[in-house]
Amino acid sequence: YDYNEIPLTLCSKDITAYDHKEALKDLLRCHHLPHAEGAGFTDPEQACAYGEQLGFPLIVKPNHGSLTVHTTFPIHDRVALREAIRIGQLFEPEIIVERFVTGTLYRATVIGREHVFVCERQTAHVIGDGSSTIAALIEAKNAHPKRKPAQVKNTTSHLIPIGEVLERFLSEQGQALTSIPEVGTKVLLSSKCTLATGSDLISRTTDTHPENKELFLQLAQILETDVVGMDFIIPSIRQSHRETTAAILEINTLPYVDLHEEPLYGPPDPVAKIGWDVVCKRLGVTTI
């Protein structure tokens, strides 16, 4: 079933307006928080002109969450920009054109305006060992006990799907399922970093630089909410956002806490328990 509220939102300000990416971008800009420069458009010509003025590489995405569907990146020229705008508007008329920020993608979740949890989200990939085919390397990754088929609902991490989409993606990189990557060579298996495509989840809460934690807490305080997820990009979460290029990309007002509860690698974070403790504290109920 769909839901629009959980107990943690009862004592919080309604922040669903900031699921709108341009509204969030305006808020981040106002408070001088790191963000990717960009703007929203409904007119394709205006969007294209803005993108060219902003400069390549770019990313184009719908203005509301689409789980990276109809999102195109990195965009390096005018022809690709026009096509990306067309694809984005297949999802909804209003799209965002913004500067493409390179780095590692993280999900930070703040509970109770004081607890921060962070996990790294890696696009599905394999690392060559010099002797195994890509198909064999995928089989080894898919053997992880936490990976289940995408249609299984009571699991967080999914199998890396093998089929025409993957074969075509590998072909575009000059690879095939039968290719044998050299030792240490990273081979991407998707252009999207989603659970359905077999992305990796790595717990990074203990690795997070204190100034990054302060950033996430600051945004939660500004939003006046007890629960919020933030997509954050930075070369390494161990670095301070003040010392490198970083950006808060978007927020999720009803974040999927299982990303932290059930990582593929690293210690799990007790987000649900702490969330319940916060609810009880707000209601004045003693927990056991």
C-alpha atoms as a PDB file:
ATOM      1  CA  TYR A   1       0.000   0.000   0.000  1.00  0.00           C
ATOM      2  CA  ASP A   2       1.042   3.588  -0.589  1.00  0.00           C
ATOM      3  CA  TYR A   3       1.434   5.815   2.463  1.00  0.00           C
ATOM      4  CA  ASN A   4       2.006   9.503   2.950  1.00  0.00           C
ATOM      5  CA  GLU A   5       2.758   9.675   6.631  1.00  0.00           C
ATOM      6  CA  ILE A   6       4.644   7.773   9.324  1.00  0.00           C
ATOM      7  CA  PRO A   7       4.805   8.472  13.081  1.00  0.00           C
ATOM      8  CA  LEU A   8       8.053  10.410  12.704  1.00  0.00           C
ATOM      9  CA  THR A   9       6.281  13.014  10.576  1.00  0.00           C
ATOM     10  CA  LEU A  10       3.609  13.757  13.183  1.00  0.00           C
ATOM     11  CA  CYS A  11       5.719  16.306  15.052  1.00  0.00           C
ATOM     12  CA  SER A  12       7.504  17.567  11.963  1.00  0.00           C
ATOM     13  CA  LYS A  13       6.874  20.342   9.495  1.00  0.00           C
ATOM     14  CA  ASP A  14       5.394  19.232   6.174  1.00  0.00           C
ATOM     15  CA  ILE A  15       8.376  19.212   3.804  1.00  0.00           C
ATOM     16  CA  THR A  16       6.848  17.368   0.843  1.00  0.00           C
ATOM     17  CA  ALA A  17       7.174  20.571  -1.209  1.00  0.00           C
ATOM     18  CA  TYR A  18      10.923  19.911  -1.262  1.00  0.00           C
ATOM     19  CA  ASP A  19      10.446  16.639  -3.101  1.00  0.00           C
ATOM     20  CA  HIS A  20      10.238  19.153  -5.952  1.00  0.00           C
ATOM     21  CA  LYS A  21      13.900  19.344  -6.964  1.00  0.00           C
ATOM     22  CA  GLU A  22      13.902  23.003  -7.980  1.00  0.00           C
ATOM     23  CA  ALA A  23      12.294  24.053  -4.673  1.00  0.00           C
ATOM     24  CA  LEU A  24      15.014  22.191  -2.799  1.00  0.00           C
ATOM     25  CA  LYS A  25      17.687  23.776  -4.962  1.00  0.00           C
ATOM     26  CA  ASP A  26      16.331  27.235  -4.080  1.00  0.00           C
ATOM     27  CA  LEU A  27      16.394  26.340  -0.360  1.00  0.00           C
ATOM     28  CA  LEU A  28      19.976  25.068  -0.521  1.00  0.00           C
ATOM     29  CA  ARG A  29      21.070  28.143  -2.423  1.00  0.00           C
ATOM     30  CA  CYS A  30      19.377  30.434   0.111  1.00  0.00           C
ATOM     31  CA  HIS A  31      21.196  28.772   3.019  1.00  0.00           C
ATOM     32  CA  HIS A  32      24.528  28.526   1.162  1.00  0.00           C
ATOM     33  CA  LEU A  33      24.564  24.734   1.328  1.00  0.00           C
ATOM     34  CA  PRO A  34      26.395  22.707  -1.347  1.00  0.00           C
ATOM     35  CA  HIS A  35      24.247  21.941  -4.358  1.00  0.00           C
ATOM     36  CA  ALA A  36      24.518  21.354  -8.087  1.00  0.00           C
ATOM     37  CA  GLU A  37      23.885  24.560 -10.003  1.00  0.00           C
ATOM     38  CA  GLY A  38      20.804  24.259 -12.184  1.00  0.00           C
ATOM     39  CA  ALA A  39      17.218  25.333 -12.871  1.00  0.00           C
ATOM     40  CA  GLY A  40      13.811  23.991 -13.855  1.00  0.00           C
ATOM     41  CA  PHE A  41      12.115  24.405 -17.239  1.00  0.00           C
ATOM     42  CA  THR A  42       9.041  23.395 -19.209  1.00  0.00           C
ATOM     43  CA  ASP A  43      10.154  25.037 -22.456  1.00  0.00           C
ATOM     44  CA  PRO A  44      12.690  22.814 -24.287  1.00  0.00           C
ATOM     45  CA  GLU A  45      14.362  25.740 -26.063  1.00  0.00           C
ATOM     46  CA  GLN A  46      14.889  27.670 -22.834  1.00  0.00           C
ATOM     47  CA  ALA A  47      16.207  24.520 -21.166  1.00  0.00           C
ATOM     48  CA  CYS A  48      18.659  23.918 -24.006  1.00  0.00           C
ATOM     49  CA  ALA A  49      19.863  27.527 -24.041  1.00  0.00           C
ATOM     50  CA  TYR A  50      20.369  27.472 -20.264  1.00  0.00           C
ATOM     51  CA  GLY A  51      22.275  24.206 -20.426  1.00  0.00           C
ATOM     52  CA  GLU A  52      24.656  25.503 -23.067  1.00  0.00           C
ATOM     53  CA  GLN A  53      25.241  28.649 -21.025  1.00  0.00           C
ATOM     54  CA  LEU A  54      25.834  26.624 -17.837  1.00  0.00           C
ATOM     55  CA  GLY A  55      28.364  24.430 -19.622  1.00  0.00           C
ATOM     56  CA  PHE A  56      28.918  20.720 -20.114  1.00  0.00           C
ATOM     57  CA  PRO A  57      28.836  18.101 -18.680  1.00  0.00           C
ATOM     58  CA  LEU A  58      25.200  18.269 -17.591  1.00  0.00           C
ATOM     59  CA  ILE A  59      22.437  16.104 -16.198  1.00  0.00           C
ATOM     60  CA  VAL A  60      18.749  16.361 -17.111  1.00  0.00           C
ATOM     61  CA  LYS A  61      16.039  14.822 -14.924  1.00  0.00           C
ATOM     62  CA  PRO A  62      12.330  15.185 -14.123  1.00  0.00           C
ATOM     63  CA  ASN A  63      11.568  17.749 -11.418  1.00  0.00           C
ATOM     64  CA  HIS A  64       9.978  15.115  -9.203  1.00  0.00           C
ATOM     65  CA  GLY A  65      11.362  11.740  -8.133  1.00  0.00           C
ATOM     66  CA  SER A  66      11.443   9.156 -10.901  1.00  0.00           C
ATOM     67  CA  LEU A  67      13.987   6.668  -9.481  1.00  0.00           C
ATOM     68  CA  THR A  68      16.417   7.845 -12.208  1.00  0.00           C
ATOM     69  CA  VAL A  69      13.911   6.866 -14.925  1.00  0.00           C
ATOM     70  CA  HIS A  70      14.099   9.407 -17.775  1.00  0.00           C
ATOM     71  CA  THR A  71      17.282  10.862 -16.274  1.00  0.00           C
ATOM     72  CA  THR A  72      20.264  11.346 -18.615  1.00  0.00           C
ATOM     73  CA  PHE A  73      23.904  11.925 -17.627  1.00  0.00           C
ATOM     74  CA  PRO A  74      26.604  12.897 -18.332  1.00  0.00           C
ATOM     75  CA  ILE A  75      25.621  15.076 -21.287  1.00  0.00           C
ATOM     76  CA  HIS A  76      28.516  16.447 -23.313  1.00  0.00           C
ATOM     77  CA  ASP A  77      27.005  18.288 -26.303  1.00  0.00           C
ATOM     78  CA  ARG A  78      23.958  20.106 -27.660  1.00  0.00           C
ATOM     79  CA  VAL A  79      22.553  17.117 -29.559  1.00  0.00           C
ATOM     80  CA  ALA A  80      22.648  14.917 -26.471  1.00  0.00           C
ATOM     81  CA  LEU A  81      21.154  17.755 -24.389  1.00  0.00           C
ATOM     82  CA  ARG A  82      18.138  18.072 -26.688  1.00  0.00           C
ATOM     83  CA  GLU A  83      17.554  14.330 -26.564  1.00  0.00           C
ATOM     84  CA  ALA A  84      17.879  14.294 -22.766  1.00  0.00           C
ATOM     85  CA  ILE A  85      15.280  17.069 -22.490  1.00  0.00           C
ATOM     86  CA  ARG A  86      12.915  15.089 -24.727  1.00  0.00           C
ATOM     87  CA  ILE A  87      13.385  11.956 -22.610  1.00  0.00           C
ATOM     88  CA  GLY A  88      12.892  13.851 -19.343  1.00  0.00           C
ATOM     89  CA  GLN A  89       9.640  15.389 -20.537  1.00  0.00           C
ATOM     90  CA  LEU A  90       8.245  11.961 -21.319  1.00  0.00           C
ATOM     91  CA  PHE A  91       7.944  11.569 -17.548  1.00  0.00           C
ATOM     92  CA  GLU A  92       6.605  15.068 -16.772  1.00  0.00           C
ATOM     93  CA  PRO A  93       6.644  18.488 -18.466  1.00  0.00           C
ATOM     94  CA  GLU A  94       8.960  20.154 -15.942  1.00  0.00           C
ATOM     95  CA  ILE A  95      12.579  19.071 -16.013  1.00  0.00           C
ATOM     96  CA  ILE A  96      15.771  20.131 -14.250  1.00  0.00           C
ATOM     97  CA  VAL A  97      18.935  21.012 -16.162  1.00  0.00           C
ATOM     98  CA  GLU A  98      21.930  21.092 -13.853  1.00  0.00           C
ATOM     99  CA  ARG A  99      25.674  20.814 -13.754  1.00  0.00           C
ATOM    100  CA  PHE A 100      26.847  17.193 -13.576  1.00  0.00           C
ATOM    101  CA  VAL A 101      28.826  16.653 -10.378  1.00  0.00           C
ATOM    102  CA  THR A 102      31.227  13.719 -10.356  1.00  0.00           C
ATOM    103  CA  GLY A 103      31.931  11.684  -7.244  1.00  0.00           C
ATOM    104  CA  THR A 104      30.553   8.874  -5.107  1.00  0.00           C
ATOM    105  CA  LEU A 105      26.837   8.705  -4.361  1.00  0.00           C
ATOM    106  CA  TYR A 106      25.663   8.419  -0.764  1.00  0.00           C
ATOM    107  CA  ARG A 107      22.328   8.321   1.026  1.00  0.00           C
ATOM    108  CA  ALA A 108      22.288  10.134   4.361  1.00  0.00           C
ATOM    109  CA  THR A 109      19.261   9.711   6.599  1.00  0.00           C
ATOM    110  CA  VAL A 110      18.639  11.963   9.595  1.00  0.00           C
ATOM    111  CA  ILE A 111      16.329  10.776  12.383  1.00  0.00           C
ATOM    112  CA  GLY A 112      15.125  12.988  15.220  1.00  0.00           C
ATOM    113  CA  ARG A 113      17.274  15.906  14.006  1.00  0.00           C
ATOM    114  CA  GLU A 114      20.269  14.380  15.818  1.00  0.00           C
ATOM    115  CA  HIS A 115      20.996  10.884  14.459  1.00  0.00           C
ATOM    116  CA  VAL A 116      22.801  10.532  11.116  1.00  0.00           C
ATOM    117  CA  PHE A 117      23.142   7.324   9.114  1.00  0.00           C
ATOM    118  CA  VAL A 118      25.041   7.059   5.827  1.00  0.00           C
ATOM    119  CA  CYS A 119      25.440   4.379   3.185  1.00  0.00           C
ATOM    120  CA  GLU A 120      27.310   4.358  -0.100  1.00  0.00           C
ATOM    121  CA  ARG A 121      25.422   3.399  -3.240  1.00  0.00           C
ATOM    122  CA  GLN A 122      27.590   1.888  -5.973  1.00  0.00           C
ATOM    123  CA  THR A 123      26.387   1.296  -9.510  1.00  0.00           C
ATOM    124  CA  ALA A 124      26.301  -2.405 -10.352  1.00  0.00           C
ATOM    125  CA  HIS A 125      29.764  -3.496 -11.451  1.00  0.00           C
ATOM    126  CA  VAL A 126      32.366  -6.243 -11.337  1.00  0.00           C
ATOM    127  CA  ILE A 127      36.120  -6.065 -10.785  1.00  0.00           C
ATOM    128  CA  GLY A 128      38.302  -8.147 -13.093  1.00  0.00           C
ATOM    129  CA  ASP A 129      40.588 -10.848 -11.680  1.00  0.00           C
ATOM    130  CA  GLY A 130      42.378 -11.602 -14.937  1.00  0.00           C
ATOM    131  CA  SER A 131      40.905 -15.087 -15.348  1.00  0.00           C
ATOM    132  CA  SER A 132      37.113 -14.941 -14.928  1.00  0.00           C
ATOM    133  CA  THR A 133      34.580 -13.848 -17.528  1.00  0.00           C
ATOM    134  CA  ILE A 134      32.187 -11.016 -16.762  1.00  0.00           C
ATOM    135  CA  ALA A 135      29.387 -13.587 -16.595  1.00  0.00           C
ATOM    136  CA  ALA A 136      31.300 -15.568 -13.956  1.00  0.00           C
ATOM    137  CA  LEU A 137      32.074 -12.422 -11.969  1.00  0.00           C
ATOM    138  CA  ILE A 138      28.377 -11.500 -11.985  1.00  0.00           C
ATOM    139  CA  GLU A 139      27.473 -15.010 -10.870  1.00  0.00           C
ATOM    140  CA  ALA A 140      29.870 -14.671  -7.932  1.00  0.00           C
ATOM    141  CA  LYS A 141      28.338 -11.338  -6.882  1.00  0.00           C
ATOM    142  CA  ASN A 142      24.822 -12.705  -7.267  1.00  0.00           C
ATOM    143  CA  ALA A 143      25.718 -15.510  -4.867  1.00  0.00           C
ATOM    144  CA  HIS A 144      25.618 -13.043  -1.964  1.00  0.00           C
ATOM    145  CA  PRO A 145      22.863 -14.323   0.359  1.00  0.00           C
ATOM    146  CA  LYS A 146      21.265 -10.881   0.672  1.00  0.00           C
ATOM    147  CA  ARG A 147      20.702 -10.546  -3.076  1.00  0.00           C
ATOM    148  CA  LYS A 148      17.282 -11.669  -4.270  1.00  0.00           C
ATOM    149  CA  PRO A 149      15.307 -11.244  -7.521  1.00  0.00           C
ATOM    150  CA  ALA A 150      13.916  -7.733  -8.046  1.00  0.00           C
ATOM    151  CA  GLN A 151      10.336  -8.994  -7.770  1.00  0.00           C
ATOM    152  CA  VAL A 152      10.950 -10.224  -4.204  1.00  0.00           C
ATOM    153  CA  LYS A 153       9.512  -7.530  -1.958  1.00  0.00           C
ATOM    154  CA  ASN A 154      10.971  -8.504   1.434  1.00  0.00           C
ATOM    155  CA  THR A 155      14.569  -7.874   0.444  1.00  0.00           C
ATOM    156  CA  THR A 156      16.670  -4.759  -0.082  1.00  0.00           C
ATOM    157  CA  SER A 157      19.475  -5.799  -2.441  1.00  0.00           C
ATOM    158  CA  HIS A 158      18.709  -7.456  -5.750  1.00  0.00           C
ATOM    159  CA  LEU A 159      20.442  -9.743  -8.203  1.00  0.00           C
ATOM    160  CA  ILE A 160      22.316  -8.152 -11.079  1.00  0.00           C
ATOM    161  CA  PRO A 161      19.971  -8.876 -14.017  1.00  0.00           C
ATOM    162  CA  ILE A 162      21.448 -10.638 -17.031  1.00  0.00           C
ATOM    163  CA  GLY A 163      19.723 -10.124 -20.379  1.00  0.00           C
ATOM    164  CA  GLU A 164      19.545  -8.030 -23.517  1.00  0.00           C
ATOM    165  CA  VAL A 165      19.789  -4.714 -21.655  1.00  0.00           C
ATOM    166  CA  LEU A 166      23.020  -5.752 -19.949  1.00  0.00           C
ATOM    167  CA  GLU A 167      24.487  -7.256 -23.114  1.00  0.00           C
ATOM    168  CA  ARG A 168      23.750  -4.064 -25.053  1.00  0.00           C
ATOM    169  CA  PHE A 169      25.274  -1.922 -22.288  1.00  0.00           C
ATOM    170  CA  LEU A 170      28.424  -4.053 -22.250  1.00  0.00           C
ATOM    171  CA  SER A 171      28.645  -3.912 -26.040  1.00  0.00           C
ATOM    172  CA  GLU A 172      28.636  -0.100 -25.883  1.00  0.00           C
ATOM    173  CA  GLN A 173      31.770  -0.413 -23.720  1.00  0.00           C
ATOM    174  CA  GLY A 174      33.417  -2.877 -26.090  1.00  0.00           C
ATOM    175  CA  GLN A 175      32.736  -5.749 -23.685  1.00  0.00           C
ATOM    176  CA  ALA A 176      30.638  -8.913 -23.598  1.00  0.00           C
ATOM    177  CA  LEU A 177      29.584 -11.452 -20.994  1.00  0.00           C
ATOM    178  CA  THR A 178      32.415 -13.644 -22.265  1.00  0.00           C
ATOM    179  CA  SER A 179      35.061 -10.919 -21.881  1.00  0.00           C
ATOM    180  CA  ILE A 180      37.790 -11.445 -19.269  1.00  0.00           C
ATOM    181  CA  PRO A 181      38.662  -8.095 -17.621  1.00  0.00           C
ATOM    182  CA  GLU A 182      42.215  -7.545 -16.464  1.00  0.00           C
ATOM    183  CA  VAL A 183      43.069  -7.606 -12.773  1.00  0.00           C
ATOM    184  CA  GLY A 184      41.573  -4.588 -11.022  1.00  0.00           C
ATOM    185  CA  THR A 185      39.568  -3.404 -14.043  1.00  0.00           C
ATOM    186  CA  LYS A 186      36.138  -2.096 -13.049  1.00  0.00           C
ATOM    187  CA  VAL A 187      33.360  -2.920 -15.507  1.00  0.00           C
ATOM    188  CA  LEU A 188      30.073  -1.063 -15.057  1.00  0.00           C
ATOM    189  CA  LEU A 189      26.939  -3.135 -15.610  1.00  0.00           C
ATOM    190  CA  SER A 190      24.361  -0.335 -15.714  1.00  0.00           C
ATOM    191  CA  SER A 191      24.106   3.401 -16.270  1.00  0.00           C
ATOM    192  CA  LYS A 192      21.710   3.679 -13.299  1.00  0.00           C
ATOM    193  CA  CYS A 193      22.477   3.336  -9.603  1.00  0.00           C
ATOM    194  CA  THR A 194      19.276   1.593  -8.495  1.00  0.00           C
ATOM    195  CA  LEU A 195      18.479  -1.442  -6.378  1.00  0.00           C
ATOM    196  CA  ALA A 196      16.698  -3.118  -9.295  1.00  0.00           C
ATOM    197  CA  THR A 197      19.885  -3.027 -11.392  1.00  0.00           C
ATOM    198  CA  GLY A 198      21.888  -4.727  -8.641  1.00  0.00           C
ATOM    199  CA  SER A 199      23.682  -1.779  -7.053  1.00  0.00           C
ATOM    200  CA  ASP A 200      25.868  -2.342  -3.986  1.00  0.00           C
ATOM    201  CA  LEU A 201      25.016  -0.888  -0.565  1.00  0.00           C
ATOM    202  CA  ILE A 202      27.916  -0.216   1.806  1.00  0.00           C
ATOM    203  CA  SER A 203      27.534   1.084   5.354  1.00  0.00           C
ATOM    204  CA  ARG A 204      29.504   4.337   5.776  1.00  0.00           C
ATOM    205  CA  THR A 205      28.095   5.884   8.954  1.00  0.00           C
ATOM    206  CA  THR A 206      31.309   5.431  10.929  1.00  0.00           C
ATOM    207  CA  ASP A 207      33.399   6.672   7.977  1.00  0.00           C
ATOM    208  CA  THR A 208      31.534   9.950   7.562  1.00  0.00           C
ATOM    209  CA  HIS A 209      33.513  13.131   8.181  1.00  0.00           C
ATOM    210  CA  PRO A 210      32.091  15.117  11.156  1.00  0.00           C
ATOM    211  CA  GLU A 211      31.568  18.218   9.003  1.00  0.00           C
ATOM    212  CA  ASN A 212      29.444  16.183   6.592  1.00  0.00           C
ATOM    213  CA  LYS A 213      27.332  14.943   9.506  1.00  0.00           C
ATOM    214  CA  GLU A 214      26.943  18.553  10.629  1.00  0.00           C
ATOM    215  CA  LEU A 215      25.779  19.457   7.116  1.00  0.00           C
ATOM    216  CA  PHE A 216      23.070  16.779   7.138  1.00  0.00           C
ATOM    217  CA  LEU A 217      21.921  17.800  10.619  1.00  0.00           C
ATOM    218  CA  GLN A 218      21.836  21.439   9.556  1.00  0.00           C
ATOM    219  CA  LEU A 219      19.516  20.684   6.648  1.00  0.00           C
ATOM    220  CA  ALA A 220      17.215  18.595   8.867  1.00  0.00           C
ATOM    221  CA  GLN A 221      17.037  21.494  11.316  1.00  0.00           C
ATOM    222  CA  ILE A 222      16.241  23.942   8.511  1.00  0.00           C
ATOM    223  CA  LEU A 223      13.499  21.608   7.267  1.00  0.00           C
ATOM    224  CA  GLU A 224      12.198  21.136  10.833  1.00  0.00           C
ATOM    225  CA  THR A 225      11.717  17.433  10.303  1.00  0.00           C
ATOM    226  CA  ASP A 226      12.427  14.286  12.319  1.00  0.00           C
ATOM    227  CA  VAL A 227      12.987  12.146   9.259  1.00  0.00           C
ATOM    228  CA  VAL A 228      14.599  12.942   5.921  1.00  0.00           C
ATOM    229  CA  GLY A 229      16.815  11.182   3.420  1.00  0.00           C
ATOM    230  CA  MET A 230      19.405  13.074   1.378  1.00  0.00           C
ATOM    231  CA  ASP A 231      21.187  12.026  -1.791  1.00  0.00           C
ATOM    232  CA  PHE A 232      24.707  13.412  -1.480  1.00  0.00           C
ATOM    233  CA  ILE A 233      27.637  13.256  -3.875  1.00  0.00           C
ATOM    234  CA  ILE A 234      31.278  13.782  -2.934  1.00  0.00           C
ATOM    235  CA  PRO A 235      34.556  12.072  -3.925  1.00  0.00           C
ATOM    236  CA  SER A 236      34.722  10.377  -0.506  1.00  0.00           C
ATOM    237  CA  ILE A 237      32.475  10.676   2.535  1.00  0.00           C
ATOM    238  CA  ARG A 238      35.671  10.725   4.607  1.00  0.00           C
ATOM    239  CA  GLN A 239      36.417  14.174   3.158  1.00  0.00           C
ATOM    240  CA  SER A 240      34.773  17.345   4.418  1.00  0.00           C
ATOM    241  CA  HIS A 241      32.397  18.952   1.953  1.00  0.00           C
ATOM    242  CA  ARG A 242      34.240  22.189   2.687  1.00  0.00           C
ATOM    243  CA  GLU A 243      37.458  20.841   1.171  1.00  0.00           C
ATOM    244  CA  THR A 244      36.188  19.435  -2.138  1.00  0.00           C
ATOM    245  CA  THR A 245      33.356  19.560  -4.652  1.00  0.00           C
ATOM    246  CA  ALA A 246      30.168  18.134  -3.154  1.00  0.00           C
ATOM    247  CA  ALA A 247      26.415  18.547  -3.559  1.00  0.00           C
ATOM    248  CA  ILE A 248      23.136  17.635  -1.926  1.00  0.00           C
ATOM    249  CA  LEU A 249      21.237  16.412  -4.974  1.00  0.00           C
ATOM    250  CA  GLU A 250      17.749  15.836  -3.615  1.00  0.00           C
ATOM    251  CA  ILE A 251      15.841  14.770  -0.528  1.00  0.00           C
ATOM    252  CA  ASN A 252      13.364  12.006   0.222  1.00  0.00           C
ATOM    253  CA  THR A 253      10.665  12.896   2.715  1.00  0.00           C
ATOM    254  CA  LEU A 254       9.853   9.217   3.340  1.00  0.00           C
ATOM    255  CA  PRO A 255      13.302   7.608   3.047  1.00  0.00           C
ATOM    256  CA  TYR A 256      13.829   3.883   2.599  1.00  0.00           C
ATOM    257  CA  VAL A 257      15.613   3.107   5.876  1.00  0.00           C
ATOM    258  CA  ASP A 258      16.334  -0.483   4.834  1.00  0.00           C
ATOM    259  CA  LEU A 259      19.279   0.909   2.874  1.00  0.00           C
ATOM    260  CA  HIS A 260      20.960   1.345   6.266  1.00  0.00           C
ATOM    261  CA  GLU A 261      19.383  -1.621   8.030  1.00  0.00           C
ATOM    262  CA  GLU A 262      20.402  -4.139   5.364  1.00  0.00           C
ATOM    263  CA  PRO A 263      23.646  -3.092   3.642  1.00  0.00           C
ATOM    264  CA  LEU A 264      25.475  -5.674   1.556  1.00  0.00           C
ATOM    265  CA  TYR A 265      28.749  -4.737   3.213  1.00  0.00           C
ATOM    266  CA  GLY A 266      29.563  -3.182   6.560  1.00  0.00           C
ATOM    267  CA  PRO A 267      27.693  -3.073   9.871  1.00  0.00           C
ATOM    268  CA  PRO A 268      23.930  -2.422   9.796  1.00  0.00           C
ATOM    269  CA  ASP A 269      22.524   0.704  11.446  1.00  0.00           C
ATOM    270  CA  PRO A 270      19.504   0.396  13.808  1.00  0.00           C
ATOM    271  CA  VAL A 271      17.567   3.167  12.099  1.00  0.00           C
ATOM    272  CA  ALA A 272      14.108   1.707  12.737  1.00  0.00           C
ATOM    273  CA  LYS A 273      14.754   1.252  16.465  1.00  0.00           C
ATOM    274  CA  ILE A 274      16.124   4.757  16.871  1.00  0.00           C
ATOM    275  CA  GLY A 275      13.215   6.103  14.837  1.00  0.00           C
ATOM    276  CA  TRP A 276      10.782   4.382  17.171  1.00  0.00           C
ATOM    277  CA  ASP A 277      12.666   5.728  20.206  1.00  0.00           C
ATOM    278  CA  VAL A 278      12.271   9.243  18.792  1.00  0.00           C
ATOM    279  CA  VAL A 279       8.538   8.705  18.273  1.00  0.00           C
ATOM    280  CA  CYS A 280       8.137   7.517  21.859  1.00  0.00           C
ATOM    281  CA  LYS A 281      10.157  10.477  23.123  1.00  0.00           C
ATOM    282  CA  ARG A 282       7.942  12.917  21.189  1.00  0.00           C
ATOM    283  CA  LEU A 283       4.823  11.231  22.603  1.00  0.00           C
ATOM    284  CA  GLY A 284       6.225  11.107  26.120  1.00  0.00           C
ATOM    285  CA  VAL A 285       6.157   7.307  26.197  1.00  0.00           C
ATOM    286  CA  THR A 286       8.851   5.320  28.017  1.00  0.00           C
ATOM    287  CA  THR A 287      10.549   2.682  25.871  1.00  0.00           C
ATOM    288  CA  ILE A 288      11.701  -0.678  27.167  1.00  0.00           C
END
